[in-house]
Amino acid sequence: RLRRFVFPMSALFLIWYFAYVMLGAFAHDFMAIKVWGDVNVGLLIGIGQFASTFVITGFYVWFANRELDPRAEAIRAELEGGAA
């Protein structure tokens, strides 16, 4: 289950990140398009990188609390119960 969650989320983030890097490297005109005042597309995508990092972290915390922590607790209880 961990792999079904972590690998797709990692792949999604890496694709998103490398798209940002490639756009910054090769699509200067696109990244320089003014959206509002001095705010351009590149700045918005850069802020989107930070936002997506927080969202992915939140999803992972939710997943870990729901899926991984109960398993870890069961293993711990089994090991501590067997040692007594």
Protein backbone atom coordinates (compact mmCIF):
# COMPACT_ATOMS: atom_id res chain seq x y z
CA ARG A 1 0.00 0.00 0.00
CA LEU A 2 2.83 2.37 0.76
CA ARG A 3 4.22 1.95 -2.73
CA ARG A 4 0.82 2.57 -4.32
CA PHE A 5 0.76 5.93 -2.59
CA VAL A 6 4.37 7.09 -2.40
CA PHE A 7 5.53 6.24 -5.92
CA PRO A 8 2.68 7.98 -7.77
CA MET A 9 2.90 11.06 -5.53
CA SER A 10 6.67 11.21 -5.98
CA ALA A 11 6.36 10.81 -9.75
CA LEU A 12 3.68 13.49 -9.91
CA PHE A 13 5.79 15.93 -7.93
CA LEU A 14 8.96 15.22 -9.93
CA ILE A 15 7.14 15.71 -13.25
CA TRP A 16 5.67 18.98 -11.93
CA TYR A 17 9.08 20.12 -10.65
CA PHE A 18 10.99 19.25 -13.82
CA ALA A 19 8.31 20.91 -15.94
CA TYR A 20 8.92 24.09 -13.93
CA VAL A 21 12.68 23.81 -14.37
CA MET A 22 12.39 23.13 -18.11
CA LEU A 23 9.96 26.00 -18.60
CA GLY A 24 12.34 28.27 -16.72
CA ALA A 25 15.25 27.12 -18.85
CA PHE A 26 13.65 27.03 -22.29
CA ALA A 27 10.40 29.02 -22.24
CA HIS A 28 11.56 32.44 -21.06
CA ASP A 29 8.86 34.28 -22.98
CA PHE A 30 6.10 32.14 -21.51
CA MET A 31 7.42 32.44 -17.95
CA ALA A 32 7.74 36.23 -18.35
CA ILE A 33 4.09 36.78 -19.29
CA LYS A 34 2.66 39.36 -16.90
CA VAL A 35 -0.45 38.18 -15.12
CA TRP A 36 -1.08 41.08 -12.77
CA GLY A 37 1.25 44.00 -12.13
CA ASP A 38 4.76 42.62 -11.68
CA VAL A 39 3.47 39.08 -11.09
CA ASN A 40 4.32 36.79 -13.99
CA VAL A 41 3.63 33.16 -14.90
CA GLY A 42 7.01 32.02 -13.57
CA LEU A 43 6.34 33.50 -10.16
CA LEU A 44 2.90 31.89 -9.98
CA ILE A 45 4.27 28.49 -10.95
CA GLY A 46 7.08 28.89 -8.40
CA ILE A 47 4.56 29.66 -5.66
CA GLY A 48 2.59 26.67 -6.92
CA GLN A 49 5.65 24.52 -6.25
CA PHE A 50 5.59 25.51 -2.58
CA ALA A 51 1.83 25.02 -2.36
CA SER A 52 2.00 21.58 -3.97
CA THR A 53 4.74 20.55 -1.55
CA PHE A 54 2.50 21.41 1.40
CA VAL A 55 -0.47 19.62 -0.17
CA ILE A 56 1.54 16.46 -0.87
CA THR A 57 2.93 16.55 2.68
CA GLY A 58 -0.60 16.85 4.04
CA PHE A 59 -1.74 13.87 1.96
CA TYR A 60 1.21 11.82 3.21
CA VAL A 61 0.48 12.69 6.86
CA TRP A 62 -3.16 11.71 6.33
CA PHE A 63 -2.09 8.45 4.66
CA ALA A 64 0.46 7.64 7.38
CA ASN A 65 -2.02 8.33 10.18
CA ARG A 66 -4.67 6.20 8.51
CA GLU A 67 -2.62 3.32 7.08
CA LEU A 68 0.90 3.14 8.47
CA ASP A 69 0.57 4.14 12.12
CA PRO A 70 -2.04 1.46 12.97
CA ARG A 71 0.20 -1.20 11.40
CA ALA A 72 3.25 0.05 13.27
CA GLU A 73 1.28 0.10 16.52
CA ALA A 74 0.09 -3.48 15.95
CA ILE A 75 3.66 -4.66 15.31
CA ARG A 76 4.88 -2.83 18.40
CA ALA A 77 2.12 -4.31 20.57
CA GLU A 78 2.91 -7.78 19.25
CA LEU A 79 6.62 -7.40 19.96
CA GLU A 80 6.11 -5.91 23.41
CA GLY A 81 3.52 -8.53 24.27
CA GLY A 82 5.81 -11.35 23.16
CA ALA A 83 8.74 -10.04 25.21
CA ALA A 84 6.82 -10.00 28.50
